C-alpha cells in the first residue's frame, strides 16, 4: 500500500512538472545584413575623391583669408562646414572600403587605368586585398584617422592643422595605392635585392 502511494505521488509530481511553462523557443537567426554593392573604384569616384577635394582644393576664405575681396563671415562659415562634411564623408568611406567582400571593380568592368604599365588588373587587386587583408585594413584606418583630424581642424577653423592633416590623407591614399593598385614589380627569382 505504501509503495502504491509513492508511485501515485511520483506520478502527481511528474504531471505537475509537465504543466509548468514551456521552454522558450531557440532565438531566431538574425536577418542577413546589408552586403557590399559598390566597388572600391566606384566608392573612390563618388565618395573618396570628392571628399578629399574639399580638403585639397580649399576655397579662398580658408586658403587666403586676407585676400581681397574678403569672404563674408557667412561664406567663411559655410566653407569650413563644407570641409568638415567632406572629412566626415572620407571617414565613413574608409568603413565602406574595408567592408568584407568589397571588390576593386564590378565583375566585367575594368579599372580606370587597367592595362597601363605598373597597374594591376582587377582580379590581381582582389587577390592581393584578400591575401594581405590586415595591411588593407591598416591603410583604411590611416585614411579614417587622417580624415578625423581634418574634421577636428575644420571644426576649430585651424588652417595650419587642416593642411597638415590633408597631407596625411594624401599619404594614406598613396601608401594603399602603392601596395594594392600599382605596386613596384617583384624582383626576379634569385635577384640580389640588397642595397649597398
N, C-alpha and C. Protein backbone atom coordinates (compact mmCIF):
# COMPACT_ATOMS: atom_id res chain seq x y z
N UNK A 1 0.83 -1.20 0.00
CA UNK A 1 0.00 0.00 0.00
C UNK A 1 0.87 1.25 0.00
N UNK A 2 1.92 1.24 0.84
CA UNK A 2 2.81 2.39 0.87
C UNK A 2 3.52 2.61 -0.46
N UNK A 3 3.83 1.49 -1.13
CA UNK A 3 4.50 1.60 -2.43
C UNK A 3 3.57 2.21 -3.45
N UNK A 4 2.29 1.90 -3.38
CA UNK A 4 1.31 2.45 -4.32
C UNK A 4 1.17 3.95 -4.14
N UNK A 5 1.19 4.38 -2.87
CA UNK A 5 1.10 5.83 -2.62
C UNK A 5 2.33 6.56 -3.17
N UNK A 6 3.49 5.94 -3.02
CA UNK A 6 4.71 6.57 -3.52
C UNK A 6 4.67 6.71 -5.03
N UNK A 7 4.16 5.66 -5.69
CA UNK A 7 4.07 5.72 -7.15
C UNK A 7 3.07 6.80 -7.57
N UNK A 8 1.95 6.89 -6.82
CA UNK A 8 0.93 7.90 -7.14
C UNK A 8 1.49 9.31 -6.93
N UNK A 9 2.26 9.49 -5.85
CA UNK A 9 2.84 10.81 -5.57
C UNK A 9 3.85 11.19 -6.66
N UNK A 10 4.63 10.19 -7.07
CA UNK A 10 5.60 10.44 -8.13
C UNK A 10 4.88 10.83 -9.43
N UNK A 11 3.79 10.15 -9.71
CA UNK A 11 3.02 10.47 -10.91
C UNK A 11 2.46 11.87 -10.84
N UNK A 12 1.99 12.30 -9.64
CA UNK A 12 1.46 13.65 -9.47
C UNK A 12 2.55 14.69 -9.68
N UNK A 13 3.75 14.44 -9.16
CA UNK A 13 4.86 15.37 -9.35
C UNK A 13 5.20 15.50 -10.82
N UNK A 14 5.26 14.36 -11.52
CA UNK A 14 5.58 14.40 -12.94
C UNK A 14 4.49 15.13 -13.73
N UNK A 15 3.24 14.93 -13.33
CA UNK A 15 2.14 15.60 -14.04
C UNK A 15 2.22 17.11 -13.83
N UNK A 16 2.51 17.52 -12.59
CA UNK A 16 2.62 18.95 -12.30
C UNK A 16 3.81 19.57 -13.03
N UNK A 17 4.88 18.81 -13.12
CA UNK A 17 6.06 19.32 -13.84
C UNK A 17 5.74 19.54 -15.31
N UNK A 18 4.92 18.68 -15.87
CA UNK A 18 4.53 18.83 -17.26
C UNK A 18 3.63 20.03 -17.50
N UNK A 19 2.98 20.54 -16.44
CA UNK A 19 2.10 21.70 -16.58
C UNK A 19 2.84 23.03 -16.47
N UNK A 20 4.12 22.97 -16.15
CA UNK A 20 4.89 24.20 -15.99
C UNK A 20 5.07 24.93 -17.32
N UNK A 21 5.67 26.13 -17.27
CA UNK A 21 5.87 26.88 -18.51
C UNK A 21 6.81 26.14 -19.47
N UNK A 22 6.47 26.21 -20.74
CA UNK A 22 7.29 25.54 -21.75
C UNK A 22 8.61 26.27 -21.92
N UNK A 23 9.62 25.53 -22.27
CA UNK A 23 10.93 26.14 -22.51
C UNK A 23 10.81 27.12 -23.68
N UNK A 24 11.46 28.27 -23.58
CA UNK A 24 11.36 29.24 -24.68
C UNK A 24 11.98 28.67 -25.95
N UNK A 25 11.42 29.03 -27.08
CA UNK A 25 12.00 28.52 -28.34
C UNK A 25 13.38 29.12 -28.56
N UNK A 26 14.22 28.43 -29.28
CA UNK A 26 15.56 28.98 -29.53
C UNK A 26 15.44 30.29 -30.31
N UNK A 27 16.36 31.22 -30.08
CA UNK A 27 16.27 32.50 -30.79
C UNK A 27 16.38 32.30 -32.30
N UNK A 28 15.61 33.10 -33.00
CA UNK A 28 15.65 33.02 -34.46
C UNK A 28 16.96 33.60 -34.97
N UNK A 29 17.43 33.08 -36.05
CA UNK A 29 18.65 33.60 -36.65
C UNK A 29 18.40 35.04 -37.10
N UNK A 30 19.36 35.93 -36.88
CA UNK A 30 19.15 37.33 -37.30
C UNK A 30 19.02 37.41 -38.81
N UNK A 31 18.26 38.37 -39.29
CA UNK A 31 18.14 38.51 -40.74
C UNK A 31 19.49 38.91 -41.33
N UNK A 32 19.73 38.56 -42.58
CA UNK A 32 21.02 38.95 -43.18
C UNK A 32 21.15 40.46 -43.26
N UNK A 33 22.35 40.93 -42.99
CA UNK A 33 22.61 42.37 -43.04
C UNK A 33 22.88 42.81 -44.47
N UNK A 34 23.09 44.11 -44.64
CA UNK A 34 23.40 44.60 -45.99
C UNK A 34 24.75 44.08 -46.46
N UNK A 35 24.90 43.98 -47.75
CA UNK A 35 26.16 43.50 -48.32
C UNK A 35 26.75 44.57 -49.22
N UNK A 36 28.05 44.49 -49.48
CA UNK A 36 28.66 45.49 -50.36
C UNK A 36 28.01 45.49 -51.74
N UNK A 37 27.78 46.67 -52.27
CA UNK A 37 27.19 46.82 -53.60
C UNK A 37 28.17 47.54 -54.52
N UNK A 38 28.61 48.71 -54.10
CA UNK A 38 29.56 49.48 -54.92
C UNK A 38 30.95 48.88 -54.82
N UNK A 39 31.70 48.99 -55.89
CA UNK A 39 33.10 48.56 -55.87
C UNK A 39 33.96 49.65 -55.25
N UNK A 40 35.20 49.30 -54.94
CA UNK A 40 36.12 50.30 -54.40
C UNK A 40 36.34 51.42 -55.42
N UNK A 41 36.45 51.06 -56.69
CA UNK A 41 36.62 52.08 -57.72
C UNK A 41 35.43 53.06 -57.71
N UNK A 42 34.22 52.55 -57.55
CA UNK A 42 33.04 53.42 -57.51
C UNK A 42 33.04 54.29 -56.25
N UNK A 43 33.43 53.70 -55.12
CA UNK A 43 33.50 54.48 -53.88
C UNK A 43 34.54 55.59 -53.99
N UNK A 44 35.63 55.29 -54.66
CA UNK A 44 36.67 56.32 -54.84
C UNK A 44 36.13 57.47 -55.69
N UNK A 45 35.33 57.12 -56.68
CA UNK A 45 34.80 58.15 -57.59
C UNK A 45 33.71 58.99 -56.94
N UNK A 46 32.80 58.36 -56.20
CA UNK A 46 31.64 59.10 -55.71
C UNK A 46 31.78 59.62 -54.28
N UNK A 47 32.72 59.06 -53.50
CA UNK A 47 32.88 59.50 -52.11
C UNK A 47 34.29 59.98 -51.78
N UNK A 48 35.29 59.15 -52.08
CA UNK A 48 36.64 59.46 -51.61
C UNK A 48 37.25 60.64 -52.34
N UNK A 49 37.20 60.64 -53.67
CA UNK A 49 37.79 61.76 -54.42
C UNK A 49 37.09 63.08 -54.11
N UNK A 50 35.75 63.15 -54.13
CA UNK A 50 35.10 64.42 -53.77
C UNK A 50 35.39 64.85 -52.33
N UNK A 51 35.44 63.88 -51.41
CA UNK A 51 35.74 64.23 -50.02
C UNK A 51 37.14 64.79 -49.87
N UNK A 52 38.09 64.16 -50.56
CA UNK A 52 39.47 64.64 -50.50
C UNK A 52 39.61 66.01 -51.17
N UNK A 53 38.86 66.22 -52.24
CA UNK A 53 38.95 67.51 -52.94
C UNK A 53 38.51 68.68 -52.06
N UNK A 54 37.59 68.44 -51.13
CA UNK A 54 37.18 69.53 -50.24
C UNK A 54 38.33 69.96 -49.33
N UNK A 55 39.31 69.06 -49.15
CA UNK A 55 40.47 69.37 -48.32
C UNK A 55 41.62 69.90 -49.17
N UNK A 56 41.79 69.33 -50.36
CA UNK A 56 42.93 69.69 -51.19
C UNK A 56 42.66 70.91 -52.07
N UNK A 57 41.40 71.25 -52.29
CA UNK A 57 41.05 72.41 -53.11
C UNK A 57 40.26 73.39 -52.24
N UNK A 58 40.95 73.97 -51.29
CA UNK A 58 40.30 74.84 -50.32
C UNK A 58 39.84 76.15 -50.97
N UNK A 59 38.68 76.65 -50.55
CA UNK A 59 38.22 77.95 -51.06
C UNK A 59 39.08 79.08 -50.51
N UNK A 60 39.08 80.23 -51.18
CA UNK A 60 39.92 81.35 -50.74
C UNK A 60 39.63 81.79 -49.30
N UNK A 61 38.40 81.64 -48.84
CA UNK A 61 38.10 82.07 -47.47
C UNK A 61 38.93 81.32 -46.44
N UNK A 62 39.43 80.13 -46.81
CA UNK A 62 40.26 79.33 -45.90
C UNK A 62 41.73 79.42 -46.30
N UNK A 63 42.01 79.26 -47.59
CA UNK A 63 43.41 79.24 -48.03
C UNK A 63 44.03 80.63 -48.08
N UNK A 64 43.23 81.65 -48.35
CA UNK A 64 43.72 83.04 -48.40
C UNK A 64 42.71 83.95 -47.69
N UNK A 65 42.59 83.82 -46.38
CA UNK A 65 41.55 84.57 -45.68
C UNK A 65 41.70 86.10 -45.75
N UNK A 66 42.92 86.58 -46.02
CA UNK A 66 43.13 88.03 -46.07
C UNK A 66 43.07 88.59 -47.50
N UNK A 67 42.79 87.72 -48.47
CA UNK A 67 42.74 88.18 -49.86
C UNK A 67 41.53 89.10 -50.06
N UNK A 68 41.62 89.95 -51.05
CA UNK A 68 40.53 90.86 -51.39
C UNK A 68 39.83 90.38 -52.65
N UNK A 69 38.51 90.41 -52.72
CA UNK A 69 37.59 90.80 -51.66
C UNK A 69 37.50 89.70 -50.60
N UNK A 70 37.35 90.12 -49.38
CA UNK A 70 37.31 89.18 -48.27
C UNK A 70 35.94 88.50 -48.21
N UNK A 71 35.94 87.21 -47.88
CA UNK A 71 34.68 86.48 -47.77
C UNK A 71 33.88 86.99 -46.59
N UNK A 72 32.58 86.95 -46.72
CA UNK A 72 31.72 87.33 -45.60
C UNK A 72 31.82 86.26 -44.51
N UNK A 73 31.51 86.61 -43.28
CA UNK A 73 31.54 85.59 -42.22
C UNK A 73 30.64 84.40 -42.53
N UNK A 74 29.50 84.67 -43.18
CA UNK A 74 28.58 83.58 -43.51
C UNK A 74 29.21 82.64 -44.54
N UNK A 75 29.89 83.22 -45.55
CA UNK A 75 30.53 82.40 -46.58
C UNK A 75 31.68 81.59 -45.99
N UNK A 76 32.47 82.23 -45.13
CA UNK A 76 33.59 81.53 -44.50
C UNK A 76 33.08 80.36 -43.65
N UNK A 77 32.00 80.60 -42.90
CA UNK A 77 31.42 79.53 -42.07
C UNK A 77 30.93 78.38 -42.94
N UNK A 78 30.31 78.72 -44.08
CA UNK A 78 29.81 77.68 -44.99
C UNK A 78 30.96 76.89 -45.59
N UNK A 79 32.07 77.57 -45.89
CA UNK A 79 33.23 76.89 -46.46
C UNK A 79 33.85 75.92 -45.45
N UNK A 80 33.97 76.35 -44.20
CA UNK A 80 34.51 75.48 -43.16
C UNK A 80 33.59 74.28 -42.96
N UNK A 81 32.29 74.51 -43.00
CA UNK A 81 31.32 73.41 -42.82
C UNK A 81 31.43 72.40 -43.97
N UNK A 82 31.70 72.91 -45.17
CA UNK A 82 31.86 72.02 -46.32
C UNK A 82 33.09 71.13 -46.16
N UNK A 83 34.18 71.70 -45.68
CA UNK A 83 35.39 70.91 -45.44
C UNK A 83 35.12 69.86 -44.37
N UNK A 84 34.42 70.25 -43.32
CA UNK A 84 34.11 69.30 -42.25
C UNK A 84 33.25 68.16 -42.78
N UNK A 85 32.28 68.49 -43.62
CA UNK A 85 31.42 67.44 -44.19
C UNK A 85 32.21 66.52 -45.11
N UNK A 86 33.14 67.09 -45.88
CA UNK A 86 33.98 66.25 -46.74
C UNK A 86 34.84 65.31 -45.93
N UNK A 87 35.36 65.78 -44.81
CA UNK A 87 36.18 64.93 -43.94
C UNK A 87 35.34 63.81 -43.35
N UNK A 88 34.12 64.12 -42.96
CA UNK A 88 33.24 63.09 -42.41
C UNK A 88 32.91 62.04 -43.48
N UNK A 89 32.71 62.49 -44.71
CA UNK A 89 32.47 61.57 -45.82
C UNK A 89 33.65 60.63 -45.99
N UNK A 90 34.87 61.17 -45.93
CA UNK A 90 36.07 60.34 -46.06
C UNK A 90 36.18 59.33 -44.92
N UNK A 91 35.88 59.78 -43.71
CA UNK A 91 35.99 58.89 -42.56
C UNK A 91 35.04 57.71 -42.69
N UNK A 92 33.83 57.95 -43.15
CA UNK A 92 32.87 56.86 -43.32
C UNK A 92 33.19 56.04 -44.56
N UNK A 93 33.74 56.67 -45.59
CA UNK A 93 34.14 55.91 -46.78
C UNK A 93 35.18 54.86 -46.43
N UNK A 94 36.03 55.16 -45.46
CA UNK A 94 37.03 54.18 -45.02
C UNK A 94 36.34 52.93 -44.47
N UNK A 95 35.23 53.10 -43.75
CA UNK A 95 34.46 51.95 -43.27
C UNK A 95 33.92 51.14 -44.43
N UNK A 96 33.39 51.83 -45.43
CA UNK A 96 32.80 51.13 -46.58
C UNK A 96 33.86 50.37 -47.36
N UNK A 97 35.00 51.01 -47.60
CA UNK A 97 36.08 50.37 -48.34
C UNK A 97 36.53 49.09 -47.62
N UNK A 98 36.55 49.12 -46.29
CA UNK A 98 37.06 47.99 -45.51
C UNK A 98 36.04 46.89 -45.32
N UNK A 99 34.81 47.09 -45.77
CA UNK A 99 33.77 46.08 -45.56
C UNK A 99 34.15 44.77 -46.24
N UNK A 100 33.97 43.67 -45.51
CA UNK A 100 34.30 42.34 -46.03
C UNK A 100 33.52 42.08 -47.32
N UNK A 101 34.20 41.59 -48.33
CA UNK A 101 33.55 41.25 -49.59
C UNK A 101 33.57 42.36 -50.63
N UNK A 102 34.12 43.51 -50.29
CA UNK A 102 34.21 44.61 -51.25
C UNK A 102 35.24 44.26 -52.34
N UNK A 103 34.92 44.53 -53.58
CA UNK A 103 35.83 44.21 -54.68
C UNK A 103 36.38 45.49 -55.30
N UNK A 104 37.47 45.34 -56.03
CA UNK A 104 38.10 46.51 -56.65
C UNK A 104 37.21 47.13 -57.71
N UNK A 105 36.61 46.29 -58.53
CA UNK A 105 35.71 46.76 -59.59
C UNK A 105 34.63 45.71 -59.80
N UNK A 106 33.48 46.14 -60.28
CA UNK A 106 32.39 45.22 -60.54
C UNK A 106 32.83 44.23 -61.61
N UNK A 107 32.43 42.96 -61.45
CA UNK A 107 32.80 41.93 -62.42
C UNK A 107 32.40 42.36 -63.83
N UNK A 108 33.33 42.18 -64.74
CA UNK A 108 33.08 42.58 -66.12
C UNK A 108 33.54 43.99 -66.43
N UNK A 109 33.82 44.78 -65.40
CA UNK A 109 34.30 46.15 -65.60
C UNK A 109 35.80 46.21 -65.37
N UNK A 110 36.47 46.98 -66.18
CA UNK A 110 37.90 47.19 -65.99
C UNK A 110 38.11 48.36 -65.05
N UNK A 111 39.26 48.38 -64.42
CA UNK A 111 39.65 49.53 -63.62
C UNK A 111 39.93 50.71 -64.55
N UNK A 112 39.84 51.89 -64.01
CA UNK A 112 40.02 53.09 -64.82
C UNK A 112 41.35 53.08 -65.58
N UNK A 113 42.43 52.68 -64.92
CA UNK A 113 43.75 52.70 -65.55
C UNK A 113 44.28 51.30 -65.84
N UNK A 114 43.37 50.33 -65.90
CA UNK A 114 43.82 48.96 -66.12
C UNK A 114 44.50 48.83 -67.48
N UNK A 115 45.61 48.11 -67.48
CA UNK A 115 46.35 47.92 -68.73
C UNK A 115 47.53 48.85 -68.85
N UNK A 116 47.52 49.93 -68.08
CA UNK A 116 48.68 50.82 -68.11
C UNK A 116 49.83 50.19 -67.34
N UNK A 117 51.02 50.47 -67.76
CA UNK A 117 52.20 49.86 -67.15
C UNK A 117 52.25 50.16 -65.65
N UNK A 118 52.46 49.11 -64.87
CA UNK A 118 52.58 49.28 -63.42
C UNK A 118 51.29 49.08 -62.66
N UNK A 119 50.14 49.08 -63.35
CA UNK A 119 48.86 48.91 -62.67
C UNK A 119 48.44 47.45 -62.69
N UNK A 120 47.93 46.98 -61.57
CA UNK A 120 47.43 45.62 -61.51
C UNK A 120 46.02 45.56 -62.12
N UNK A 121 45.62 44.37 -62.56
CA UNK A 121 44.27 44.16 -63.06
C UNK A 121 43.33 43.92 -61.89
N UNK A 122 42.04 43.99 -62.17
CA UNK A 122 41.02 43.87 -61.12
C UNK A 122 41.20 42.58 -60.30
N UNK A 123 41.35 41.45 -60.97
CA UNK A 123 41.47 40.18 -60.25
C UNK A 123 42.74 40.13 -59.41
N UNK A 124 43.81 40.74 -59.89
CA UNK A 124 45.05 40.77 -59.11
C UNK A 124 44.89 41.60 -57.84
N UNK A 125 44.18 42.72 -57.96
CA UNK A 125 43.96 43.57 -56.79
C UNK A 125 43.09 42.85 -55.77
N UNK A 126 42.02 42.21 -56.26
CA UNK A 126 41.14 41.47 -55.34
C UNK A 126 41.90 40.39 -54.60
N UNK A 127 42.76 39.66 -55.32
CA UNK A 127 43.55 38.61 -54.69
C UNK A 127 44.51 39.18 -53.66
N UNK A 128 45.10 40.33 -53.99
CA UNK A 128 46.05 40.96 -53.07
C UNK A 128 45.33 41.48 -51.82
N UNK A 129 44.14 42.06 -52.00
CA UNK A 129 43.39 42.55 -50.84
C UNK A 129 42.98 41.41 -49.93
N UNK A 130 42.71 40.25 -50.50
CA UNK A 130 42.33 39.09 -49.70
C UNK A 130 43.53 38.51 -48.96
N UNK A 131 44.67 38.40 -49.65
CA UNK A 131 45.84 37.77 -49.03
C UNK A 131 46.53 38.69 -48.02
N UNK A 132 46.39 40.00 -48.21
CA UNK A 132 47.04 40.96 -47.30
C UNK A 132 45.98 41.84 -46.63
N UNK A 133 44.88 41.21 -46.20
CA UNK A 133 43.77 41.99 -45.63
C UNK A 133 44.19 42.84 -44.42
N UNK A 134 45.01 42.34 -43.50
CA UNK A 134 45.42 43.20 -42.38
C UNK A 134 46.08 44.50 -42.85
N UNK A 135 46.90 44.42 -43.89
CA UNK A 135 47.52 45.64 -44.42
C UNK A 135 46.48 46.57 -45.02
N UNK A 136 45.52 45.97 -45.73
CA UNK A 136 44.47 46.79 -46.36
C UNK A 136 43.66 47.52 -45.28
N UNK A 137 43.33 46.82 -44.20
CA UNK A 137 42.58 47.45 -43.11
C UNK A 137 43.41 48.54 -42.44
N UNK A 138 44.71 48.33 -42.35
CA UNK A 138 45.60 49.34 -41.76
C UNK A 138 45.57 50.62 -42.59
N UNK A 139 45.58 50.48 -43.91
CA UNK A 139 45.52 51.66 -44.78
C UNK A 139 44.17 52.37 -44.65
N UNK A 140 43.09 51.59 -44.57
CA UNK A 140 41.76 52.19 -44.42
C UNK A 140 41.67 52.96 -43.10
N UNK A 141 42.25 52.39 -42.05
CA UNK A 141 42.25 53.07 -40.75
C UNK A 141 43.07 54.34 -40.80
N UNK A 142 44.20 54.31 -41.52
CA UNK A 142 45.04 55.51 -41.65
C UNK A 142 44.26 56.63 -42.35
N UNK A 143 43.50 56.26 -43.38
CA UNK A 143 42.66 57.25 -44.07
C UNK A 143 41.63 57.83 -43.12
N UNK A 144 40.97 56.97 -42.35
CA UNK A 144 39.94 57.45 -41.43
C UNK A 144 40.54 58.35 -40.34
N UNK A 145 41.69 57.95 -39.82
CA UNK A 145 42.34 58.75 -38.78
C UNK A 145 42.70 60.13 -39.29
N UNK A 146 43.25 60.20 -40.51
CA UNK A 146 43.60 61.50 -41.10
C UNK A 146 42.35 62.32 -41.37
N UNK A 147 41.29 61.67 -41.84
CA UNK A 147 40.04 62.39 -42.11
C UNK A 147 39.45 62.98 -40.84
N UNK A 148 39.55 62.26 -39.75
CA UNK A 148 39.02 62.77 -38.48
C UNK A 148 39.86 63.95 -37.97
N UNK A 149 41.16 63.94 -38.28
CA UNK A 149 41.99 65.10 -37.93
C UNK A 149 41.56 66.32 -38.75
N UNK A 150 41.24 66.09 -40.02
CA UNK A 150 40.73 67.20 -40.86
C UNK A 150 39.43 67.72 -40.28
N UNK A 151 38.57 66.82 -39.88
CA UNK A 151 37.28 67.24 -39.32
C UNK A 151 37.48 68.10 -38.08
N UNK A 152 38.39 67.67 -37.21
CA UNK A 152 38.66 68.43 -35.99
C UNK A 152 39.26 69.79 -36.32
N UNK A 153 40.16 69.84 -37.31
CA UNK A 153 40.78 71.11 -37.71
C UNK A 153 39.74 72.06 -38.29
N UNK A 154 38.82 71.52 -39.09
CA UNK A 154 37.77 72.35 -39.68
C UNK A 154 36.82 72.86 -38.61
N UNK A 155 36.50 72.01 -37.64
CA UNK A 155 35.61 72.45 -36.56
C UNK A 155 36.26 73.56 -35.74
N UNK A 156 37.60 73.48 -35.61
CA UNK A 156 38.34 74.51 -34.87
C UNK A 156 38.74 75.69 -35.75
N UNK A 157 38.44 75.58 -37.06
CA UNK A 157 38.81 76.63 -38.03
C UNK A 157 40.31 76.93 -37.95
N UNK A 158 41.10 75.85 -37.98
CA UNK A 158 42.55 75.93 -37.86
C UNK A 158 43.18 75.56 -39.20
N UNK A 159 43.56 76.54 -40.04
CA UNK A 159 44.10 76.23 -41.36
C UNK A 159 45.40 75.43 -41.32
N UNK A 160 46.29 75.72 -40.36
CA UNK A 160 47.56 75.01 -40.30
C UNK A 160 47.34 73.52 -40.02
N UNK A 161 46.50 73.22 -39.03
CA UNK A 161 46.20 71.82 -38.72
C UNK A 161 45.48 71.15 -39.88
N UNK A 162 44.67 71.92 -40.58
CA UNK A 162 43.95 71.39 -41.73
C UNK A 162 44.92 70.97 -42.84
N UNK A 163 45.89 71.80 -43.14
CA UNK A 163 46.87 71.47 -44.19
C UNK A 163 47.71 70.25 -43.80
N UNK A 164 48.09 70.17 -42.53
CA UNK A 164 48.89 69.03 -42.08
C UNK A 164 48.09 67.73 -42.20
N UNK A 165 46.84 67.77 -41.75
CA UNK A 165 46.00 66.57 -41.83
C UNK A 165 45.68 66.22 -43.27
N UNK A 166 45.54 67.23 -44.13
CA UNK A 166 45.31 66.97 -45.55
C UNK A 166 46.47 66.22 -46.17
N UNK A 167 47.68 66.55 -45.73
CA UNK A 167 48.86 65.82 -46.20
C UNK A 167 48.84 64.37 -45.75
N UNK A 168 48.30 64.11 -44.55
CA UNK A 168 48.21 62.74 -44.05
C UNK A 168 47.20 61.93 -44.85
N UNK A 169 46.15 62.59 -45.33
CA UNK A 169 45.19 61.90 -46.21
C UNK A 169 45.90 61.46 -47.48
N UNK A 170 46.68 62.35 -48.06
CA UNK A 170 47.42 62.03 -49.28
C UNK A 170 48.36 60.86 -49.04
N UNK A 171 49.06 60.86 -47.92
CA UNK A 171 50.00 59.79 -47.60
C UNK A 171 49.27 58.46 -47.43
N UNK A 172 48.11 58.48 -46.76
CA UNK A 172 47.35 57.25 -46.54
C UNK A 172 46.87 56.66 -47.87
N UNK A 173 46.38 57.52 -48.75
CA UNK A 173 45.90 57.06 -50.05
C UNK A 173 47.05 56.49 -50.88
N UNK A 174 48.14 57.21 -50.91
CA UNK A 174 49.28 56.80 -51.73
C UNK A 174 49.87 55.49 -51.23
N UNK A 175 49.95 55.30 -49.91
CA UNK A 175 50.51 54.07 -49.36
C UNK A 175 49.65 52.87 -49.76
N UNK A 176 48.33 53.04 -49.73
CA UNK A 176 47.43 51.95 -50.11
C UNK A 176 47.55 51.66 -51.61
N UNK A 177 47.58 52.71 -52.41
CA UNK A 177 47.70 52.53 -53.86
C UNK A 177 48.99 51.81 -54.23
N UNK A 178 50.08 52.16 -53.56
CA UNK A 178 51.37 51.55 -53.88
C UNK A 178 51.38 50.06 -53.57
N UNK A 179 50.62 49.65 -52.55
CA UNK A 179 50.62 48.23 -52.20
C UNK A 179 49.59 47.44 -52.99
N UNK A 180 48.46 48.07 -53.30
CA UNK A 180 47.36 47.29 -53.87
C UNK A 180 46.98 47.67 -55.30
N UNK A 181 47.34 48.85 -55.75
CA UNK A 181 46.89 49.28 -57.08
C UNK A 181 48.03 49.24 -58.11
N UNK A 182 49.15 49.84 -57.74
CA UNK A 182 50.29 49.86 -58.67
C UNK A 182 51.58 49.61 -57.89
N UNK A 183 51.73 48.41 -57.37
CA UNK A 183 52.93 48.11 -56.57
C UNK A 183 54.17 48.03 -57.44
N UNK A 184 55.31 48.17 -56.80
CA UNK A 184 56.58 48.01 -57.52
C UNK A 184 56.67 46.57 -58.01
N UNK A 185 57.26 46.34 -59.16
CA UNK A 185 57.37 44.97 -59.66
C UNK A 185 58.20 44.12 -58.71
N UNK A 186 57.79 42.87 -58.58
CA UNK A 186 58.54 41.97 -57.71
C UNK A 186 59.86 41.60 -58.37
N UNK A 187 60.93 41.46 -57.58
CA UNK A 187 62.24 41.14 -58.16
C UNK A 187 62.21 39.76 -58.80
N UNK A 188 63.03 39.60 -59.81
CA UNK A 188 63.14 38.29 -60.47
C UNK A 188 63.71 37.27 -59.49
N UNK A 189 63.32 35.99 -59.63
CA UNK A 189 63.85 34.97 -58.73
C UNK A 189 65.37 34.96 -58.76
N UNK A 190 65.96 34.93 -57.58
CA UNK A 190 67.40 34.88 -57.48
C UNK A 190 68.09 36.22 -57.59
N UNK A 191 67.29 37.30 -57.80
CA UNK A 191 67.91 38.62 -57.95
C UNK A 191 68.41 39.08 -56.59
N UNK A 192 69.51 39.80 -56.58
CA UNK A 192 70.07 40.34 -55.35
C UNK A 192 69.35 41.66 -55.06
N UNK A 193 68.57 41.68 -53.96
CA UNK A 193 67.78 42.87 -53.62
C UNK A 193 68.43 43.73 -52.56
N UNK A 194 69.63 43.36 -52.12
CA UNK A 194 70.29 44.15 -51.09
C UNK A 194 70.86 45.42 -51.70
N UNK A 195 70.87 46.48 -50.92
CA UNK A 195 71.42 47.75 -51.39
C UNK A 195 72.74 48.01 -50.70
N UNK A 196 73.61 48.69 -51.40
CA UNK A 196 74.91 49.00 -50.81
C UNK A 196 74.86 50.32 -50.10
